[in-house]
N, C-alpha and C. Protein backbone atom coordinates (compact mmCIF):
# COMPACT_ATOMS: atom_id res chain seq x y z
N MET A 1 24.68 1.00 -97.56
CA MET A 1 23.77 1.63 -96.72
C MET A 1 22.50 0.78 -96.55
N GLY A 2 22.28 -0.04 -97.43
CA GLY A 2 21.11 -0.95 -97.38
C GLY A 2 21.17 -1.86 -96.18
N GLY A 3 22.36 -2.30 -95.83
CA GLY A 3 22.46 -3.22 -94.61
C GLY A 3 22.25 -2.48 -93.31
N THR A 4 22.64 -1.22 -93.33
CA THR A 4 22.50 -0.42 -92.12
C THR A 4 21.00 -0.16 -91.88
N VAL A 5 20.25 0.07 -92.87
CA VAL A 5 18.79 0.38 -92.72
C VAL A 5 18.11 -0.86 -92.19
N TRP A 6 18.43 -2.03 -92.81
CA TRP A 6 17.81 -3.24 -92.31
C TRP A 6 18.18 -3.50 -90.87
N PHE A 7 19.40 -3.26 -90.57
CA PHE A 7 19.82 -3.45 -89.15
C PHE A 7 19.08 -2.49 -88.21
N ALA A 8 18.85 -1.29 -88.61
CA ALA A 8 18.14 -0.30 -87.85
C ALA A 8 16.71 -0.69 -87.68
N ILE A 9 16.07 -1.23 -88.74
CA ILE A 9 14.66 -1.64 -88.70
C ILE A 9 14.50 -2.85 -87.79
N VAL A 10 15.37 -3.81 -87.99
CA VAL A 10 15.33 -5.06 -87.17
C VAL A 10 15.56 -4.71 -85.65
N SER A 11 16.54 -3.86 -85.39
CA SER A 11 16.80 -3.54 -84.00
C SER A 11 15.63 -2.71 -83.42
N SER A 12 14.96 -1.89 -84.19
CA SER A 12 13.82 -1.16 -83.73
C SER A 12 12.65 -2.12 -83.43
N ILE A 13 12.45 -3.13 -84.31
CA ILE A 13 11.36 -4.10 -84.09
C ILE A 13 11.70 -4.92 -82.81
N VAL A 14 12.95 -5.29 -82.67
CA VAL A 14 13.37 -6.06 -81.48
C VAL A 14 13.17 -5.20 -80.21
N SER A 15 13.48 -3.94 -80.24
CA SER A 15 13.35 -3.04 -79.14
C SER A 15 11.88 -2.88 -78.79
N ILE A 16 11.00 -2.70 -79.78
CA ILE A 16 9.59 -2.56 -79.56
C ILE A 16 9.03 -3.85 -78.95
N THR A 17 9.47 -5.01 -79.47
CA THR A 17 8.99 -6.30 -78.96
C THR A 17 9.43 -6.44 -77.53
N LEU A 18 10.70 -6.14 -77.26
CA LEU A 18 11.18 -6.27 -75.86
C LEU A 18 10.42 -5.29 -74.88
N ALA A 19 10.14 -4.11 -75.39
CA ALA A 19 9.37 -3.17 -74.57
C ALA A 19 7.97 -3.71 -74.29
N ALA A 20 7.33 -4.31 -75.32
CA ALA A 20 5.99 -4.87 -75.14
C ALA A 20 6.02 -6.04 -74.16
N VAL A 21 7.05 -6.88 -74.29
CA VAL A 21 7.19 -8.03 -73.39
C VAL A 21 7.45 -7.49 -71.95
N SER A 22 8.22 -6.50 -71.78
CA SER A 22 8.53 -5.91 -70.45
C SER A 22 7.26 -5.33 -69.83
N ILE A 23 6.49 -4.66 -70.63
CA ILE A 23 5.20 -4.08 -70.12
C ILE A 23 4.29 -5.19 -69.72
N TRP A 24 4.20 -6.22 -70.54
CA TRP A 24 3.32 -7.35 -70.23
C TRP A 24 3.75 -8.02 -68.93
N LEU A 25 5.09 -8.29 -68.77
CA LEU A 25 5.62 -8.90 -67.57
C LEU A 25 5.40 -8.01 -66.33
N ALA A 26 5.53 -6.70 -66.51
CA ALA A 26 5.33 -5.75 -65.38
C ALA A 26 3.87 -5.79 -64.94
N ARG A 27 2.95 -5.79 -65.91
CA ARG A 27 1.51 -5.89 -65.54
C ARG A 27 1.23 -7.19 -64.81
N SER A 28 1.84 -8.26 -65.26
CA SER A 28 1.64 -9.57 -64.64
C SER A 28 2.18 -9.54 -63.22
N ALA A 29 3.34 -8.91 -62.96
CA ALA A 29 3.92 -8.78 -61.66
C ALA A 29 3.08 -7.96 -60.72
N VAL A 30 2.51 -6.84 -61.27
CA VAL A 30 1.63 -5.99 -60.50
C VAL A 30 0.38 -6.76 -60.08
N ALA A 31 -0.21 -7.51 -60.97
CA ALA A 31 -1.37 -8.28 -60.65
C ALA A 31 -1.06 -9.32 -59.60
N GLN A 32 0.07 -9.98 -59.76
CA GLN A 32 0.50 -10.99 -58.78
C GLN A 32 0.75 -10.32 -57.40
N SER A 33 1.35 -9.17 -57.44
CA SER A 33 1.63 -8.42 -56.19
C SER A 33 0.34 -8.00 -55.50
N GLN A 34 -0.63 -7.57 -56.31
CA GLN A 34 -1.94 -7.18 -55.81
C GLN A 34 -2.62 -8.39 -55.11
N ALA A 35 -2.54 -9.54 -55.79
CA ALA A 35 -3.19 -10.75 -55.25
C ALA A 35 -2.48 -11.15 -53.93
N SER A 36 -1.17 -11.03 -53.88
CA SER A 36 -0.41 -11.37 -52.67
C SER A 36 -0.82 -10.39 -51.51
N TYR A 37 -0.94 -9.12 -51.86
CA TYR A 37 -1.35 -8.14 -50.86
C TYR A 37 -2.71 -8.45 -50.32
N GLU A 38 -3.63 -8.71 -51.17
CA GLU A 38 -5.04 -9.04 -50.74
C GLU A 38 -5.05 -10.33 -49.86
N LYS A 39 -4.25 -11.32 -50.23
CA LYS A 39 -4.20 -12.55 -49.46
C LYS A 39 -3.57 -12.27 -48.11
N SER A 40 -2.49 -11.46 -48.04
CA SER A 40 -1.87 -11.08 -46.78
C SER A 40 -2.84 -10.29 -45.91
N ALA A 41 -3.61 -9.38 -46.53
CA ALA A 41 -4.54 -8.57 -45.75
C ALA A 41 -5.61 -9.49 -45.17
N LYS A 42 -6.08 -10.48 -45.90
CA LYS A 42 -7.10 -11.41 -45.37
C LYS A 42 -6.50 -12.23 -44.24
N THR A 43 -5.24 -12.71 -44.43
CA THR A 43 -4.61 -13.48 -43.36
C THR A 43 -4.41 -12.66 -42.09
N LEU A 44 -3.95 -11.40 -42.28
CA LEU A 44 -3.78 -10.55 -41.09
C LEU A 44 -5.08 -10.24 -40.41
N GLY A 45 -6.17 -10.09 -41.22
CA GLY A 45 -7.50 -9.85 -40.60
C GLY A 45 -7.91 -11.07 -39.79
N ALA A 46 -7.67 -12.28 -40.31
CA ALA A 46 -8.02 -13.50 -39.56
C ALA A 46 -7.19 -13.62 -38.31
N ILE A 47 -5.89 -13.25 -38.38
CA ILE A 47 -5.03 -13.26 -37.21
C ILE A 47 -5.52 -12.31 -36.16
N ASN A 48 -5.90 -11.11 -36.58
CA ASN A 48 -6.44 -10.10 -35.62
C ASN A 48 -7.73 -10.62 -34.95
N GLU A 49 -8.59 -11.24 -35.71
CA GLU A 49 -9.83 -11.83 -35.14
C GLU A 49 -9.48 -12.88 -34.11
N ARG A 50 -8.60 -13.74 -34.47
CA ARG A 50 -8.20 -14.83 -33.52
C ARG A 50 -7.47 -14.25 -32.27
N ALA A 51 -6.68 -13.24 -32.51
CA ALA A 51 -5.95 -12.61 -31.39
C ALA A 51 -6.96 -11.94 -30.44
N ALA A 52 -7.99 -11.30 -31.01
CA ALA A 52 -9.02 -10.70 -30.13
C ALA A 52 -9.77 -11.74 -29.40
N GLY A 53 -10.09 -12.82 -30.00
CA GLY A 53 -10.77 -13.97 -29.32
C GLY A 53 -9.92 -14.56 -28.25
N THR A 54 -8.60 -14.74 -28.56
CA THR A 54 -7.70 -15.32 -27.58
C THR A 54 -7.54 -14.35 -26.38
N GLU A 55 -7.40 -13.06 -26.66
CA GLU A 55 -7.28 -12.09 -25.60
C GLU A 55 -8.52 -12.08 -24.70
N GLN A 56 -9.67 -12.23 -25.28
CA GLN A 56 -10.92 -12.27 -24.47
C GLN A 56 -10.95 -13.52 -23.61
N VAL A 57 -10.63 -14.66 -24.19
CA VAL A 57 -10.61 -15.92 -23.41
C VAL A 57 -9.56 -15.88 -22.32
N VAL A 58 -8.36 -15.37 -22.61
CA VAL A 58 -7.32 -15.25 -21.57
C VAL A 58 -7.77 -14.33 -20.50
N GLY A 59 -8.40 -13.23 -20.85
CA GLY A 59 -8.85 -12.25 -19.84
C GLY A 59 -9.91 -12.88 -18.95
N GLU A 60 -10.84 -13.64 -19.52
CA GLU A 60 -11.88 -14.30 -18.70
C GLU A 60 -11.22 -15.35 -17.74
N HIS A 61 -10.29 -16.11 -18.27
CA HIS A 61 -9.60 -17.13 -17.41
C HIS A 61 -8.78 -16.47 -16.33
N PHE A 62 -8.12 -15.35 -16.65
CA PHE A 62 -7.38 -14.65 -15.68
C PHE A 62 -8.24 -14.10 -14.58
N GLN A 63 -9.39 -13.53 -14.97
CA GLN A 63 -10.34 -13.06 -13.99
C GLN A 63 -10.86 -14.15 -13.10
N ARG A 64 -11.16 -15.29 -13.69
CA ARG A 64 -11.61 -16.44 -12.86
C ARG A 64 -10.52 -16.89 -11.90
N LEU A 65 -9.26 -16.89 -12.39
CA LEU A 65 -8.13 -17.31 -11.53
C LEU A 65 -8.02 -16.32 -10.35
N MET A 66 -8.09 -15.02 -10.66
CA MET A 66 -7.97 -14.04 -9.59
C MET A 66 -9.12 -14.16 -8.59
N ASP A 67 -10.32 -14.37 -9.10
CA ASP A 67 -11.48 -14.53 -8.18
C ASP A 67 -11.28 -15.76 -7.27
N THR A 68 -10.80 -16.84 -7.87
CA THR A 68 -10.54 -18.06 -7.08
C THR A 68 -9.49 -17.84 -6.03
N MET A 69 -8.38 -17.16 -6.42
CA MET A 69 -7.33 -16.87 -5.47
C MET A 69 -7.82 -15.95 -4.35
N LEU A 70 -8.60 -14.97 -4.68
CA LEU A 70 -9.15 -14.07 -3.68
C LEU A 70 -10.06 -14.78 -2.70
N LYS A 71 -10.87 -15.68 -3.26
CA LYS A 71 -11.76 -16.51 -2.39
C LYS A 71 -10.95 -17.37 -1.44
N ILE A 72 -9.85 -17.96 -1.94
CA ILE A 72 -9.02 -18.83 -1.09
C ILE A 72 -8.40 -18.00 -0.01
N VAL A 73 -7.87 -16.84 -0.37
CA VAL A 73 -7.20 -15.97 0.66
C VAL A 73 -8.25 -15.51 1.64
N ASP A 74 -9.39 -15.11 1.20
CA ASP A 74 -10.45 -14.62 2.06
C ASP A 74 -10.89 -15.73 3.00
N THR A 75 -11.08 -16.93 2.49
CA THR A 75 -11.47 -18.06 3.34
C THR A 75 -10.43 -18.40 4.36
N ALA A 76 -9.16 -18.35 3.93
CA ALA A 76 -8.06 -18.70 4.83
C ALA A 76 -7.90 -17.67 5.95
N THR A 77 -8.10 -16.40 5.60
CA THR A 77 -7.90 -15.36 6.60
C THR A 77 -9.10 -15.13 7.53
N THR A 78 -10.26 -15.59 7.09
CA THR A 78 -11.43 -15.32 7.93
C THR A 78 -11.97 -16.62 8.59
N SER A 79 -11.26 -17.71 8.45
CA SER A 79 -11.77 -18.95 9.02
C SER A 79 -11.64 -18.86 10.57
N PRO A 80 -12.51 -19.49 11.28
CA PRO A 80 -12.51 -19.39 12.78
C PRO A 80 -11.15 -19.86 13.39
N GLU A 81 -10.58 -20.89 12.74
CA GLU A 81 -9.35 -21.42 13.29
C GLU A 81 -8.22 -20.40 13.19
N VAL A 82 -8.17 -19.73 12.04
CA VAL A 82 -7.12 -18.69 11.85
C VAL A 82 -7.41 -17.55 12.79
N ARG A 83 -8.64 -17.12 12.93
CA ARG A 83 -8.96 -15.99 13.79
C ARG A 83 -8.63 -16.32 15.23
N MET A 84 -8.92 -17.52 15.70
CA MET A 84 -8.62 -17.92 17.07
C MET A 84 -7.07 -17.99 17.32
N ALA A 85 -6.37 -18.51 16.32
CA ALA A 85 -4.91 -18.54 16.44
C ALA A 85 -4.36 -17.15 16.50
N GLU A 86 -4.88 -16.28 15.74
CA GLU A 86 -4.45 -14.88 15.70
C GLU A 86 -4.66 -14.21 17.07
N LEU A 87 -5.84 -14.39 17.66
CA LEU A 87 -6.17 -13.85 18.94
C LEU A 87 -5.30 -14.47 20.03
N GLU A 88 -5.03 -15.75 19.97
CA GLU A 88 -4.15 -16.37 20.96
C GLU A 88 -2.73 -15.80 20.84
N TYR A 89 -2.27 -15.61 19.63
CA TYR A 89 -0.93 -15.06 19.44
C TYR A 89 -0.82 -13.64 19.99
N LYS A 90 -1.86 -12.84 19.74
CA LYS A 90 -1.86 -11.46 20.26
C LYS A 90 -1.92 -11.46 21.80
N SER A 91 -2.69 -12.41 22.35
CA SER A 91 -2.77 -12.49 23.82
C SER A 91 -1.45 -12.85 24.41
N ARG A 92 -0.71 -13.81 23.81
CA ARG A 92 0.60 -14.21 24.31
C ARG A 92 1.58 -13.02 24.12
N GLU A 93 1.47 -12.32 23.05
CA GLU A 93 2.34 -11.18 22.82
C GLU A 93 2.11 -10.12 23.91
N GLN A 94 0.86 -9.86 24.25
CA GLN A 94 0.52 -8.89 25.31
C GLN A 94 1.12 -9.36 26.66
N GLU A 95 0.94 -10.66 26.93
CA GLU A 95 1.50 -11.19 28.16
C GLU A 95 3.01 -11.07 28.24
N ALA A 96 3.64 -11.27 27.14
CA ALA A 96 5.13 -11.12 27.12
C ALA A 96 5.52 -9.66 27.34
N ARG A 97 4.79 -8.74 26.75
CA ARG A 97 5.10 -7.32 26.97
C ARG A 97 4.86 -6.97 28.44
N THR A 98 3.83 -7.46 29.04
CA THR A 98 3.53 -7.17 30.45
C THR A 98 4.65 -7.71 31.32
N ARG A 99 5.08 -8.96 31.07
CA ARG A 99 6.18 -9.55 31.82
C ARG A 99 7.45 -8.71 31.68
N ASP A 100 7.77 -8.29 30.43
CA ASP A 100 8.96 -7.48 30.21
C ASP A 100 8.88 -6.18 31.02
N GLN A 101 7.70 -5.56 31.01
CA GLN A 101 7.55 -4.31 31.76
C GLN A 101 7.71 -4.59 33.26
N LEU A 102 7.12 -5.66 33.72
CA LEU A 102 7.22 -6.01 35.12
C LEU A 102 8.70 -6.25 35.55
N PHE A 103 9.44 -6.98 34.72
CA PHE A 103 10.85 -7.22 35.02
C PHE A 103 11.64 -5.93 34.95
N LYS A 104 11.29 -5.03 34.12
CA LYS A 104 11.98 -3.74 34.02
C LYS A 104 11.73 -2.98 35.31
N TYR A 105 10.48 -2.87 35.73
CA TYR A 105 10.17 -2.17 36.97
C TYR A 105 10.79 -2.84 38.16
N LEU A 106 10.78 -4.12 38.19
CA LEU A 106 11.41 -4.88 39.27
C LEU A 106 12.90 -4.60 39.32
N GLY A 107 13.52 -4.64 38.17
CA GLY A 107 14.96 -4.33 38.14
C GLY A 107 15.26 -2.98 38.60
N ASP A 108 14.46 -1.96 38.17
CA ASP A 108 14.66 -0.58 38.63
C ASP A 108 14.46 -0.43 40.16
N ALA A 109 13.41 -1.16 40.65
CA ALA A 109 13.16 -1.05 42.12
C ALA A 109 14.27 -1.71 42.89
N LEU A 110 14.76 -2.84 42.44
CA LEU A 110 15.87 -3.52 43.12
C LEU A 110 17.16 -2.68 43.06
N ALA A 111 17.42 -2.07 41.89
CA ALA A 111 18.60 -1.28 41.74
C ALA A 111 18.57 -0.07 42.64
N SER A 112 17.38 0.47 42.87
CA SER A 112 17.33 1.70 43.76
C SER A 112 17.40 1.32 45.22
N GLY A 113 17.02 0.08 45.58
CA GLY A 113 17.07 -0.32 47.01
C GLY A 113 15.91 0.22 47.81
N ASP A 114 14.95 0.83 47.19
CA ASP A 114 13.83 1.41 47.86
C ASP A 114 12.73 0.39 48.07
N THR A 115 12.40 0.00 49.31
CA THR A 115 11.37 -1.01 49.55
C THR A 115 9.97 -0.51 49.21
N SER A 116 9.77 0.77 49.34
CA SER A 116 8.44 1.34 48.98
C SER A 116 8.14 1.11 47.50
N LYS A 117 9.15 1.19 46.70
CA LYS A 117 8.94 0.94 45.22
C LYS A 117 8.60 -0.51 45.00
N LEU A 118 9.22 -1.39 45.71
CA LEU A 118 8.85 -2.81 45.58
C LEU A 118 7.46 -3.09 46.05
N LYS A 119 7.03 -2.43 47.14
CA LYS A 119 5.66 -2.59 47.62
C LYS A 119 4.67 -2.06 46.60
N ASP A 120 4.92 -0.90 46.02
CA ASP A 120 4.04 -0.31 45.01
C ASP A 120 4.00 -1.18 43.75
N LEU A 121 5.16 -1.76 43.44
CA LEU A 121 5.27 -2.62 42.28
C LEU A 121 4.37 -3.85 42.42
N PHE A 122 4.45 -4.52 43.62
CA PHE A 122 3.62 -5.72 43.85
C PHE A 122 2.17 -5.37 43.95
N THR A 123 1.83 -4.20 44.48
CA THR A 123 0.42 -3.76 44.55
C THR A 123 -0.11 -3.53 43.15
N THR A 124 0.65 -2.92 42.31
CA THR A 124 0.20 -2.59 40.96
C THR A 124 0.07 -3.80 40.13
N PHE A 125 1.02 -4.70 40.20
CA PHE A 125 1.04 -5.88 39.29
C PHE A 125 0.42 -7.13 39.86
N SER A 126 0.01 -7.17 41.09
CA SER A 126 -0.55 -8.39 41.69
C SER A 126 -1.81 -8.87 40.96
N PRO A 127 -2.74 -7.95 40.52
CA PRO A 127 -3.91 -8.45 39.79
C PRO A 127 -3.49 -9.10 38.47
N LEU A 128 -2.51 -8.54 37.82
CA LEU A 128 -2.04 -9.11 36.54
C LEU A 128 -1.36 -10.44 36.71
N LEU A 129 -0.64 -10.58 37.81
CA LEU A 129 0.08 -11.85 38.06
C LEU A 129 -0.94 -12.99 38.36
N LYS A 130 -2.06 -12.68 39.00
CA LYS A 130 -3.03 -13.71 39.33
C LYS A 130 -3.78 -14.17 38.08
N THR A 131 -4.00 -13.30 37.08
CA THR A 131 -4.73 -13.67 35.88
C THR A 131 -3.88 -14.39 34.83
N GLN A 132 -2.61 -14.20 34.88
CA GLN A 132 -1.73 -14.81 33.89
C GLN A 132 -1.43 -16.25 34.33
N THR A 133 -1.32 -17.11 33.32
CA THR A 133 -0.94 -18.50 33.62
C THR A 133 0.57 -18.59 33.66
N THR A 134 1.06 -19.51 34.47
CA THR A 134 2.49 -19.75 34.56
C THR A 134 2.81 -20.93 33.64
N PRO A 135 3.96 -20.95 33.11
CA PRO A 135 4.31 -22.05 32.18
C PRO A 135 4.25 -23.38 32.90
N GLY A 136 3.63 -24.36 32.26
CA GLY A 136 3.51 -25.70 32.83
C GLY A 136 2.25 -25.87 33.69
N LYS A 137 1.51 -24.80 34.01
CA LYS A 137 0.27 -24.95 34.80
C LYS A 137 -0.98 -24.55 34.05
N GLU A 138 -1.00 -24.73 32.78
CA GLU A 138 -2.17 -24.36 31.98
C GLU A 138 -3.26 -25.32 32.09
């Protein structure tokens, strides 16, 4: 029985020693984990600060880009050359509509065979025909 008691005492001492070492290693791991957490929190804080700065700079540059683009579009659409071209295009478009209407009335008058319609047609459209330019005579 003497050997069994010594074995029990030695195994109890070894168990207590292992428990103490485990507790010491656990505390060391917790301290290391806490240090890693604090370092990660500082790094994330720095990243957030830089992200906010980057977002502000990008926003300012985007606003400048939009202002520049709007100025370019505004200048292009309000320049005298563009305005004159637009007015000329609308004038030609109106002339084409008038000619189309004249040809439609002329076709209707010719189809009906009524000379009074032709006379009315020329009376109505003669002022317009005098003001319009003919192709090649501008």
